[in-house]
C-alpha atoms as a PDB file:
ATOM      1  CA  MET A   1    -145.542  37.663  88.137  1.00  0.00           C
ATOM      2  CA  ARG A   2    -143.207  37.230  84.939  1.00  0.00           C
ATOM      3  CA  ARG A   3    -141.286  34.265  84.617  1.00  0.00           C
ATOM      4  CA  LYS A   4    -137.616  33.858  85.494  1.00  0.00           C
ATOM      5  CA  LEU A   5    -137.414  32.442  82.219  1.00  0.00           C
ATOM      6  CA  PRO A   6    -133.558  31.871  79.778  1.00  0.00           C
ATOM      7  CA  SER A   7    -134.554  32.755  76.072  1.00  0.00           C
ATOM      8  CA  THR A   8    -134.764  29.748  73.997  1.00  0.00           C
ATOM      9  CA  GLN A   9    -132.727  30.535  71.333  1.00  0.00           C
ATOM     10  CA  ALA A  10    -130.011  30.891  74.330  1.00  0.00           C
ATOM     11  CA  LEU A  11    -131.068  27.027  75.212  1.00  0.00           C
ATOM     12  CA  GLY A  12    -131.337  25.500  72.068  1.00  0.00           C
ATOM     13  CA  CYS A  13    -127.063  26.256  71.401  1.00  0.00           C
ATOM     14  CA  PHE A  14    -126.264  24.988  75.097  1.00  0.00           C
ATOM     15  CA  GLU A  15    -128.190  22.063  74.631  1.00  0.00           C
ATOM     16  CA  ALA A  16    -126.088  21.826  71.004  1.00  0.00           C
ATOM     17  CA  ALA A  17    -122.989  21.754  72.577  1.00  0.00           C
ATOM     18  CA  ALA A  18    -123.564  20.731  75.170  1.00  0.00           C
ATOM     19  CA  ARG A  19    -124.737  17.435  73.180  1.00  0.00           C
ATOM     20  CA  HIS A  20    -121.813  17.601  71.044  1.00  0.00           C
ATOM     21  CA  GLY A  21    -119.208  19.228  72.782  1.00  0.00           C
ATOM     22  CA  SER A  22    -118.270  21.811  71.211  1.00  0.00           C
ATOM     23  CA  PHE A  23    -119.679  25.049  69.711  1.00  0.00           C
ATOM     24  CA  THR A  24    -118.600  24.131  66.236  1.00  0.00           C
ATOM     25  CA  ARG A  25    -120.523  21.176  65.246  1.00  0.00           C
ATOM     26  CA  ALA A  26    -123.383  22.658  66.902  1.00  0.00           C
ATOM     27  CA  ALA A  27    -122.911  26.039  65.088  1.00  0.00           C
ATOM     28  CA  GLN A  28    -122.714  23.329  61.847  1.00  0.00           C
ATOM     29  CA  GLU A  29    -126.284  21.970  63.183  1.00  0.00           C
ATOM     30  CA  LEU A  30    -128.278  25.129  63.978  1.00  0.00           C
ATOM     31  CA  ALA A  31    -126.437  26.632  60.969  1.00  0.00           C
ATOM     32  CA  LEU A  32    -125.064  30.364  62.886  1.00  0.00           C
ATOM     33  CA  THR A  33    -121.627  30.483  63.175  1.00  0.00           C
ATOM     34  CA  GLN A  34    -119.475  29.855  65.837  1.00  0.00           C
ATOM     35  CA  GLY A  35    -119.405  33.399  67.506  1.00  0.00           C
ATOM     36  CA  ALA A  36    -123.129  32.909  67.770  1.00  0.00           C
ATOM     37  CA  ILE A  37    -122.921  30.287  69.486  1.00  0.00           C
ATOM     38  CA  SER A  38    -119.888  30.964  71.993  1.00  0.00           C
ATOM     39  CA  ARG A  39    -122.704  34.491  72.426  1.00  0.00           C
ATOM     40  CA  GLN A  40    -125.631  32.963  73.505  1.00  0.00           C
ATOM     41  CA  VAL A  41    -123.885  30.342  75.876  1.00  0.00           C
ATOM     42  CA  SER A  42    -122.005  33.484  77.528  1.00  0.00           C
ATOM     43  CA  ALA A  43    -125.485  35.373  77.729  1.00  0.00           C
ATOM     44  CA  LEU A  44    -126.887  31.902  79.818  1.00  0.00           C
ATOM     45  CA  GLU A  45    -124.662  31.921  81.446  1.00  0.00           C
ATOM     46  CA  ALA A  46    -124.779  35.450  82.572  1.00  0.00           C
ATOM     47  CA  PHE A  47    -128.286  35.024  83.110  1.00  0.00           C
ATOM     48  CA  LEU A  48    -127.980  31.896  85.429  1.00  0.00           C
ATOM     49  CA  GLY A  49    -124.993  33.327  87.014  1.00  0.00           C
ATOM     50  CA  VAL A  50    -123.600  30.096  86.936  1.00  0.00           C
ATOM     51  CA  PRO A  51    -120.663  29.017  84.665  1.00  0.00           C
ATOM     52  CA  LEU A  52    -121.859  25.950  82.267  1.00  0.00           C
ATOM     53  CA  PHE A  53    -118.146  25.005  80.793  1.00  0.00           C
ATOM     54  CA  LYS A  54    -115.017  24.793  81.259  1.00  0.00           C
ATOM     55  CA  ARG A  55    -113.100  26.622  78.704  1.00  0.00           C
ATOM     56  CA  THR A  56    -109.010  25.053  78.257  1.00  0.00           C
ATOM     57  CA  GLN A  57    -106.509  25.644  75.441  1.00  0.00           C
ATOM     58  CA  HIS A  58    -107.875  22.112  74.525  1.00  0.00           C
ATOM     59  CA  GLY A  59    -111.520  23.261  73.963  1.00  0.00           C
ATOM     60  CA  MET A  60    -114.475  23.213  76.240  1.00  0.00           C
ATOM     61  CA  THR A  61    -115.582  20.129  79.117  1.00  0.00           C
ATOM     62  CA  LEU A  62    -119.679  20.697  80.971  1.00  0.00           C
ATOM     63  CA  THR A  63    -119.338  22.033  84.922  1.00  0.00           C
ATOM     64  CA  PRO A  64    -120.751  19.709  87.103  1.00  0.00           C
ATOM     65  CA  ALA A  65    -123.428  22.476  86.922  1.00  0.00           C
ATOM     66  CA  GLY A  66    -124.092  22.267  83.138  1.00  0.00           C
ATOM     67  CA  GLU A  67    -124.163  18.601  82.890  1.00  0.00           C
ATOM     68  CA  ASP A  68    -126.828  18.481  85.475  1.00  0.00           C
ATOM     69  CA  TYR A  69    -128.805  21.538  83.056  1.00  0.00           C
ATOM     70  CA  ALA A  70    -128.103  20.241  80.246  1.00  0.00           C
ATOM     71  CA  ARG A  71    -130.137  17.149  81.470  1.00  0.00           C
ATOM     72  CA  GLN A  72    -132.848  18.721  82.879  1.00  0.00           C
ATOM     73  CA  ILE A  73    -132.995  20.761  79.853  1.00  0.00           C
ATOM     74  CA  SER A  74    -132.407  18.115  77.242  1.00  0.00           C
ATOM     75  CA  ARG A  75    -135.852  16.327  78.578  1.00  0.00           C
ATOM     76  CA  ARG A  76    -138.560  19.886  78.142  1.00  0.00           C
ATOM     77  CA  LEU A  77    -136.964  20.767  75.122  1.00  0.00           C
ATOM     78  CA  ASP A  78    -138.195  18.085  73.544  1.00  0.00           C
ATOM     79  CA  ALA A  79    -141.261  17.485  75.442  1.00  0.00           C
ATOM     80  CA  LEU A  80    -141.181  21.521  73.763  1.00  0.00           C
ATOM     81  CA  GLU A  81    -141.012  20.191  70.463  1.00  0.00           C
ATOM     82  CA  ARG A  82    -142.973  17.141  70.884  1.00  0.00           C
ATOM     83  CA  ASP A  83    -146.303  19.514  72.096  1.00  0.00           C
ATOM     84  CA  THR A  84    -145.399  22.233  69.140  1.00  0.00           C
ATOM     85  CA  LEU A  85    -145.464  19.509  66.834  1.00  0.00           C
ATOM     86  CA  ASP A  86    -148.273  17.362  68.260  1.00  0.00           C
ATOM     87  CA  LEU A  87    -150.620  21.125  68.097  1.00  0.00           C
ATOM     88  CA  MET A  88    -149.145  21.817  64.844  1.00  0.00           C
ATOM     89  CA  GLY A  89    -150.442  18.422  63.227  1.00  0.00           C
ATOM     90  CA  ARG A  90    -153.574  18.624  65.200  1.00  0.00           C
ATOM     91  CA  GLN A  91    -153.762  22.066  63.452  1.00  0.00           C
ATOM     92  CA  GLY A  92    -155.616  23.216  66.716  1.00  0.00           C
ATOM     93  CA  LEU A  93    -158.791  20.824  66.216  1.00  0.00           C
ATOM     94  CA  GLY A  94    -159.033  18.050  68.476  1.00  0.00           C
ATOM     95  CA  ASP A  95    -156.935  16.616  72.029  1.00  0.00           C
ATOM     96  CA  ALA A  96    -154.160  14.226  72.243  1.00  0.00           C
ATOM     97  CA  ILE A  97    -152.248  12.827  74.830  1.00  0.00           C
ATOM     98  CA  THR A  98    -149.063  10.759  75.343  1.00  0.00           C
ATOM     99  CA  LEU A  99    -149.061   7.072  76.647  1.00  0.00           C
ATOM    100  CA  ALA A 100    -146.194   5.081  78.471  1.00  0.00           C
ATOM    101  CA  THR A 101    -146.376   1.435  78.198  1.00  0.00           C
ATOM    102  CA  VAL A 102    -144.673  -2.084  78.024  1.00  0.00           C
ATOM    103  CA  PRO A 103    -144.434  -2.828  73.997  1.00  0.00           C
ATOM    104  CA  THR A 104    -146.233  -6.276  73.688  1.00  0.00           C
ATOM    105  CA  PHE A 105    -148.595  -4.979  75.404  1.00  0.00           C
ATOM    106  CA  ALA A 106    -149.313  -2.215  73.441  1.00  0.00           C
ATOM    107  CA  ASN A 107    -148.944  -4.195  70.295  1.00  0.00           C
ATOM    108  CA  ARG A 108    -150.274  -7.313  71.213  1.00  0.00           C
ATOM    109  CA  TRP A 109    -153.826  -5.786  73.282  1.00  0.00           C
ATOM    110  CA  LEU A 110    -153.494  -2.143  73.214  1.00  0.00           C
ATOM    111  CA  ILE A 111    -152.968  -0.535  69.476  1.00  0.00           C
ATOM    112  CA  PRO A 112    -155.145  -3.603  67.926  1.00  0.00           C
ATOM    113  CA  ARG A 113    -157.921  -2.288  69.940  1.00  0.00           C
ATOM    114  CA  LEU A 114    -157.796   1.779  68.850  1.00  0.00           C
ATOM    115  CA  PRO A 115    -160.186   1.542  66.045  1.00  0.00           C
ATOM    116  CA  LEU A 116    -162.254   1.237  68.063  1.00  0.00           C
ATOM    117  CA  LEU A 117    -161.794   5.024  70.003  1.00  0.00           C
ATOM    118  CA  ALA A 118    -160.468   5.928  66.741  1.00  0.00           C
ATOM    119  CA  ASN A 119    -164.213   5.175  66.129  1.00  0.00           C
ATOM    120  CA  LEU A 120    -166.135   6.661  69.076  1.00  0.00           C
ATOM    121  CA  GLN A 121    -163.440   9.689  69.416  1.00  0.00           C
ATOM    122  CA  PRO A 122    -162.028  10.782  66.029  1.00  0.00           C
ATOM    123  CA  GLU A 123    -161.180  13.749  67.890  1.00  0.00           C
ATOM    124  CA  LEU A 124    -158.887  12.365  70.070  1.00  0.00           C
ATOM    125  CA  THR A 125    -154.678  10.804  68.657  1.00  0.00           C
ATOM    126  CA  VAL A 126    -152.827   9.201  71.451  1.00  0.00           C
ATOM    127  CA  HIS A 127    -148.945   9.312  71.303  1.00  0.00           C
ATOM    128  CA  ILE A 128    -147.835   5.994  72.255  1.00  0.00           C
ATOM    129  CA  GLU A 129    -144.171   5.369  73.749  1.00  0.00           C
ATOM    130  CA  VAL A 130    -141.943   2.996  75.800  1.00  0.00           C
ATOM    131  CA  ARG A 131    -141.380   3.178  78.749  1.00  0.00           C
ATOM    132  CA  THR A 132    -140.992  -0.725  81.131  1.00  0.00           C
ATOM    133  CA  ARG A 133    -140.552   0.695  84.621  1.00  0.00           C
ATOM    134  CA  PRO A 134    -141.593   2.914  86.891  1.00  0.00           C
ATOM    135  CA  PHE A 135    -140.920   7.161  86.112  1.00  0.00           C
ATOM    136  CA  LEU A 136    -141.510  10.705  87.527  1.00  0.00           C
ATOM    137  CA  PHE A 137    -144.494  12.195  85.481  1.00  0.00           C
ATOM    138  CA  THR A 138    -142.854  15.474  85.818  1.00  0.00           C
ATOM    139  CA  ASP A 139    -140.313  14.998  83.796  1.00  0.00           C
ATOM    140  CA  SER A 140    -141.532  13.184  81.152  1.00  0.00           C
ATOM    141  CA  GLY A 141    -144.794  14.748  79.095  1.00  0.00           C
ATOM    142  CA  VAL A 142    -146.728  11.454  79.600  1.00  0.00           C
ATOM    143  CA  ASP A 143    -149.934  11.527  80.220  1.00  0.00           C
ATOM    144  CA  ALA A 144    -150.537   7.452  81.805  1.00  0.00           C
ATOM    145  CA  ALA A 145    -148.373   4.791  81.992  1.00  0.00           C
ATOM    146  CA  LEU A 146    -149.811   1.087  82.376  1.00  0.00           C
ATOM    147  CA  TYR A 147    -148.250  -1.482  83.638  1.00  0.00           C
ATOM    148  CA  ALA A 148    -147.548  -4.155  83.774  1.00  0.00           C
ATOM    149  CA  GLY A 149    -146.352  -5.325  87.992  1.00  0.00           C
ATOM    150  CA  THR A 150    -146.961  -6.842  90.950  1.00  0.00           C
ATOM    151  CA  VAL A 151    -148.590  -4.795  94.270  1.00  0.00           C
ATOM    152  CA  GLU A 152    -145.032  -4.416  95.215  1.00  0.00           C
ATOM    153  CA  GLN A 153    -143.669  -2.593  92.047  1.00  0.00           C
ATOM    154  CA  VAL A 154    -146.307  -0.933  91.809  1.00  0.00           C
ATOM    155  CA  GLN A 155    -146.053   0.804  95.372  1.00  0.00           C
ATOM    156  CA  GLN A 156    -142.413   2.102  94.217  1.00  0.00           C
ATOM    157  CA  TRP A 157    -144.501   5.252  92.118  1.00  0.00           C
ATOM    158  CA  VAL A 158    -144.053   8.858  93.664  1.00  0.00           C
ATOM    159  CA  GLY A 159    -147.253  10.888  94.210  1.00  0.00           C
ATOM    160  CA  VAL A 160    -149.282   8.669  91.214  1.00  0.00           C
ATOM    161  CA  GLN A 161    -152.952   6.987  91.164  1.00  0.00           C
ATOM    162  CA  ALA A 162    -152.721   3.061  90.379  1.00  0.00           C
ATOM    163  CA  TYR A 163    -155.928   1.328  88.537  1.00  0.00           C
ATOM    164  CA  PRO A 164    -155.772  -2.388  87.984  1.00  0.00           C
ATOM    165  CA  LEU A 165    -157.120  -3.352  84.583  1.00  0.00           C
ATOM    166  CA  LEU A 166    -156.136  -6.642  83.953  1.00  0.00           C
ATOM    167  CA  HIS A 167    -155.338  -9.684  86.007  1.00  0.00           C
ATOM    168  CA  GLU A 168    -152.634 -11.356  84.289  1.00  0.00           C
ATOM    169  CA  LEU A 169    -153.768 -15.297  84.009  1.00  0.00           C
ATOM    170  CA  VAL A 170    -150.578 -17.679  81.982  1.00  0.00           C
ATOM    171  CA  VAL A 171    -150.717 -21.086  79.863  1.00  0.00           C
ATOM    172  CA  PRO A 172    -148.199 -22.906  78.529  1.00  0.00           C
ATOM    173  CA  VAL A 173    -149.000 -22.780  74.311  1.00  0.00           C
ATOM    174  CA  CYS A 174    -146.320 -24.309  71.695  1.00  0.00           C
ATOM    175  CA  SER A 175    -146.282 -24.792  67.527  1.00  0.00           C
ATOM    176  CA  PRO A 176    -148.865 -27.592  66.711  1.00  0.00           C
ATOM    177  CA  ALA A 177    -146.970 -29.269  65.553  1.00  0.00           C
ATOM    178  CA  LEU A 178    -144.865 -30.158  68.697  1.00  0.00           C
ATOM    179  CA  LEU A 179    -148.104 -31.587  69.639  1.00  0.00           C
ATOM    180  CA  ALA A 180    -148.426 -33.935  66.695  1.00  0.00           C
ATOM    181  CA  GLY A 181    -151.957 -34.587  66.059  1.00  0.00           C
ATOM    182  CA  GLY A 182    -152.232 -35.034  69.800  1.00  0.00           C
ATOM    183  CA  GLY A 183    -153.861 -33.170  72.331  1.00  0.00           C
ATOM    184  CA  PRO A 184    -152.280 -31.368  75.440  1.00  0.00           C
ATOM    185  CA  LEU A 185    -150.190 -32.280  77.876  1.00  0.00           C
ATOM    186  CA  THR A 186    -149.934 -33.759  81.245  1.00  0.00           C
ATOM    187  CA  PRO A 187    -147.894 -31.010  83.595  1.00  0.00           C
ATOM    188  CA  ALA A 188    -145.420 -34.418  83.659  1.00  0.00           C
ATOM    189  CA  GLU A 189    -145.154 -34.733  80.069  1.00  0.00           C
ATOM    190  CA  LEU A 190    -144.310 -31.092  79.929  1.00  0.00           C
ATOM    191  CA  ALA A 191    -141.470 -31.030  82.306  1.00  0.00           C
ATOM    192  CA  GLU A 192    -139.550 -33.766  80.165  1.00  0.00           C
ATOM    193  CA  ARG A 193    -140.235 -30.856  76.852  1.00  0.00           C
ATOM    194  CA  PRO A 194    -137.842 -28.131  75.660  1.00  0.00           C
ATOM    195  CA  LEU A 195    -138.849 -25.278  77.530  1.00  0.00           C
ATOM    196  CA  LEU A 196    -138.222 -20.977  76.807  1.00  0.00           C
ATOM    197  CA  GLN A 197    -137.385 -18.751  79.192  1.00  0.00           C
ATOM    198  CA  GLN A 198    -138.617 -15.308  79.501  1.00  0.00           C
ATOM    199  CA  ALA A 199    -135.249 -13.312  80.506  1.00  0.00           C
ATOM    200  CA  THR A 200    -137.823 -10.731  83.013  1.00  0.00           C
ATOM    201  CA  ARG A 201    -138.997 -13.812  84.749  1.00  0.00           C
ATOM    202  CA  PRO A 202    -136.687 -16.302  85.517  1.00  0.00           C
ATOM    203  CA  GLU A 203    -138.624 -18.486  87.009  1.00  0.00           C
ATOM    204  CA  ALA A 204    -141.492 -17.883  85.952  1.00  0.00           C
ATOM    205  CA  TRP A 205    -141.806 -21.833  84.563  1.00  0.00           C
ATOM    206  CA  ARG A 206    -140.759 -23.201  88.286  1.00  0.00           C
ATOM    207  CA  HIS A 207    -143.793 -21.387  90.175  1.00  0.00           C
ATOM    208  CA  TRP A 208    -146.006 -22.540  87.035  1.00  0.00           C
ATOM    209  CA  PHE A 209    -145.259 -26.417  87.777  1.00  0.00           C
ATOM    210  CA  ASP A 210    -145.205 -25.575  91.453  1.00  0.00           C
ATOM    211  CA  ALA A 211    -148.936 -24.671  92.026  1.00  0.00           C
ATOM    212  CA  GLN A 212    -149.170 -28.162  89.294  1.00  0.00           C
ATOM    213  CA  GLY A 213    -147.479 -30.218  91.905  1.00  0.00           C
ATOM    214  CA  VAL A 214    -145.082 -32.080  89.969  1.00  0.00           C
ATOM    215  CA  ASP A 215    -141.335 -31.849  90.105  1.00  0.00           C
ATOM    216  CA  ALA A 216    -139.462 -30.474  87.219  1.00  0.00           C
ATOM    217  CA  PRO A 217    -135.431 -30.097  87.674  1.00  0.00           C
ATOM    218  CA  GLN A 218    -135.434 -28.597  83.753  1.00  0.00           C
ATOM    219  CA  ALA A 219    -137.681 -25.419  84.771  1.00  0.00           C
ATOM    220  CA  MET A 220    -135.665 -23.138  84.728  1.00  0.00           C
ATOM    221  CA  THR A 221    -133.136 -24.304  81.827  1.00  0.00           C
ATOM    222  CA  GLY A 222    -133.805 -23.337  78.126  1.00  0.00           C
ATOM    223  CA  PRO A 223    -133.159 -20.225  75.757  1.00  0.00           C
ATOM    224  CA  ARG A 224    -133.608 -16.747  76.956  1.00  0.00           C
ATOM    225  CA  TYR A 225    -136.052 -14.711  76.147  1.00  0.00           C
ATOM    226  CA  GLU A 226    -135.784 -10.745  76.905  1.00  0.00           C
ATOM    227  CA  LEU A 227    -139.144  -9.940  74.645  1.00  0.00           C
ATOM    228  CA  PHE A 228    -142.675 -11.435  75.430  1.00  0.00           C
ATOM    229  CA  SER A 229    -142.854 -10.782  71.800  1.00  0.00           C
ATOM    230  CA  MET A 230    -139.137 -13.069  71.116  1.00  0.00           C
ATOM    231  CA  GLN A 231    -141.042 -15.561  72.991  1.00  0.00           C
ATOM    232  CA  THR A 232    -144.218 -15.601  71.090  1.00  0.00           C
ATOM    233  CA  ALA A 233    -142.827 -15.855  67.837  1.00  0.00           C
ATOM    234  CA  ALA A 234    -139.707 -18.925  68.868  1.00  0.00           C
ATOM    235  CA  ALA A 235    -142.545 -20.809  69.468  1.00  0.00           C
ATOM    236  CA  THR A 236    -144.110 -20.627  66.001  1.00  0.00           C
ATOM    237  CA  HIS A 237    -141.193 -21.631  65.112  1.00  0.00           C
ATOM    238  CA  GLY A 238    -141.249 -24.775  67.390  1.00  0.00           C
ATOM    239  CA  LEU A 239    -138.144 -24.422  69.287  1.00  0.00           C
ATOM    240  CA  GLY A 240    -139.952 -25.372  72.405  1.00  0.00           C
ATOM    241  CA  MET A 241    -142.585 -24.529  74.747  1.00  0.00           C
ATOM    242  CA  ALA A 242    -143.558 -20.433  75.805  1.00  0.00           C
ATOM    243  CA  LEU A 243    -145.730 -19.482  79.731  1.00  0.00           C
ATOM    244  CA  MET A 244    -147.186 -16.700  78.093  1.00  0.00           C
ATOM    245  CA  PRO A 245    -149.793 -14.951  79.069  1.00  0.00           C
ATOM    246  CA  THR A 246    -153.198 -15.409  77.845  1.00  0.00           C
ATOM    247  CA  LEU A 247    -153.327 -11.964  76.372  1.00  0.00           C
ATOM    248  CA  LEU A 248    -150.350 -11.489  74.765  1.00  0.00           C
ATOM    249  CA  VAL A 249    -151.697 -14.877  72.265  1.00  0.00           C
ATOM    250  CA  GLU A 250    -154.734 -14.500  71.743  1.00  0.00           C
ATOM    251  CA  SER A 251    -154.231 -13.454  68.036  1.00  0.00           C
ATOM    252  CA  GLU A 252    -151.937 -16.905  67.802  1.00  0.00           C
ATOM    253  CA  LEU A 253    -154.759 -19.053  69.341  1.00  0.00           C
ATOM    254  CA  ARG A 254    -157.422 -18.133  67.251  1.00  0.00           C
ATOM    255  CA  ASN A 255    -155.209 -18.741  63.685  1.00  0.00           C
ATOM    256  CA  GLY A 256    -153.890 -22.040  64.784  1.00  0.00           C
ATOM    257  CA  THR A 257    -150.417 -20.642  64.484  1.00  0.00           C
ATOM    258  CA  LEU A 258    -150.542 -21.981  67.988  1.00  0.00           C
ATOM    259  CA  VAL A 259    -151.622 -23.747  70.880  1.00  0.00           C
ATOM    260  CA  VAL A 260    -152.396 -24.869  73.815  1.00  0.00           C
ATOM    261  CA  ALA A 261    -149.572 -27.169  75.201  1.00  0.00           C
ATOM    262  CA  CYS A 262    -151.666 -27.652  78.913  1.00  0.00           C
ATOM    263  CA  ASP A 263    -154.531 -26.534  79.413  1.00  0.00           C
ATOM    264  CA  ARG A 264    -153.313 -25.475  83.187  1.00  0.00           C
ATOM    265  CA  VAL A 265    -153.930 -22.052  83.261  1.00  0.00           C
ATOM    266  CA  HIS A 266    -151.944 -20.042  86.354  1.00  0.00           C
ATOM    267  CA  SER A 267    -152.130 -16.873  88.080  1.00  0.00           C
ATOM    268  CA  SER A 268    -148.845 -15.214  87.358  1.00  0.00           C
ATOM    269  CA  GLY A 269    -149.026 -12.658  90.081  1.00  0.00           C
ATOM    270  CA  ARG A 270    -149.601  -9.640  88.259  1.00  0.00           C
ATOM    271  CA  HIS A 271    -151.379  -7.232  87.377  1.00  0.00           C
ATOM    272  CA  TYR A 272    -152.456  -4.177  83.933  1.00  0.00           C
ATOM    273  CA  TYR A 273    -152.210  -1.502  85.959  1.00  0.00           C
ATOM    274  CA  MET A 274    -153.466   2.245  84.280  1.00  0.00           C
ATOM    275  CA  VAL A 275    -151.156   4.445  86.835  1.00  0.00           C
ATOM    276  CA  GLN A 276    -151.929   7.921  86.539  1.00  0.00           C
ATOM    277  CA  PRO A 277    -149.679  10.988  88.277  1.00  0.00           C
ATOM    278  CA  ASP A 278    -151.729  12.477  91.387  1.00  0.00           C
ATOM    279  CA  TRP A 279    -153.348  15.854  89.788  1.00  0.00           C
ATOM    280  CA  PRO A 280    -156.592  16.934  87.931  1.00  0.00           C
ATOM    281  CA  GLU A 281    -156.020  15.235  84.639  1.00  0.00           C
ATOM    282  CA  ARG A 282    -157.280  16.849  81.872  1.00  0.00           C
ATOM    283  CA  PRO A 283    -161.177  16.097  79.379  1.00  0.00           C
ATOM    284  CA  ALA A 284    -159.062  13.583  76.930  1.00  0.00           C
ATOM    285  CA  MET A 285    -158.074  11.899  79.189  1.00  0.00           C
ATOM    286  CA  THR A 286    -160.541  11.350  80.826  1.00  0.00           C
ATOM    287  CA  ALA A 287    -162.140  10.101  77.901  1.00  0.00           C
ATOM    288  CA  PHE A 288    -159.536   7.673  77.054  1.00  0.00           C
ATOM    289  CA  LYS A 289    -159.457   6.455  80.451  1.00  0.00           C
ATOM    290  CA  ARG A 290    -163.684   6.076  79.943  1.00  0.00           C
ATOM    291  CA  TRP A 291    -162.852   4.088  76.988  1.00  0.00           C
ATOM    292  CA  LEU A 292    -160.115   1.824  78.488  1.00  0.00           C
ATOM    293  CA  PHE A 293    -162.235   0.715  81.365  1.00  0.00           C
ATOM    294  CA  THR A 294    -165.230  -0.699  78.934  1.00  0.00           C
ATOM    295  CA  GLN A 295    -162.697  -2.645  77.426  1.00  0.00           C
ATOM    296  CA  THR A 296    -161.434  -4.162  80.447  1.00  0.00           C
ATOM    297  CA  GLY A 297    -164.445  -4.942  81.591  1.00  0.00           C
END
């Protein structure tokens, strides 16, 4: 059956005009005339049977239907361009997958291990983009997501399969200078020190002190950082004690720029998951998943 699809040129002209709010600027971007943009958009409206722009004496604005269509078309054109560039770059050789992941996990855990995958699967290309919250796979062009959260948060995803990869353990760390050559602190001693806070986990320190049976009135006090990478940098430069997932500070603990401030490791109640859409996976994704599971045990 023949697909009911408009021309890609008409869609490109419409997307540019909608993004700029101007036929003139769309024409400049696409190296066309303003009249050509207008004709392509008019042809698209005729094909759809729906007005996408409202023309006035003072210019034009998107109709509600036009706003919704522009939002959807923009995502699909981005995905089409990404797939095209990917195929051109590989010259038809090998295969590629696209992963969505939280940034610090990608930088600290996944990317350092990708050379191992490259040695085993040199024909497999892994693209990575940042996503921190659940999303719809149907609109994304993403093959799988590496997501950090609780069981309840993972259940917010719709139409997916979720595989637990790593259980998250947290431990207090700091610059060696803050211990002044001494050993790790007790939880009570730690409660008196400056505490660095993670903005996305405002009660992390309180939960840790509660697990140690220590009253810590200042558990939620201290400078806040949006990303774990920022908190790691702050701890490395001696700004205070950081409560960090152990897998995100492996390198710093190994090279000595950070040390364990108190040797009470605690479960954060969170896991790292691989989340996939609930539809048949491609061989490239199967190969990546098999490798990933060997890395996480």
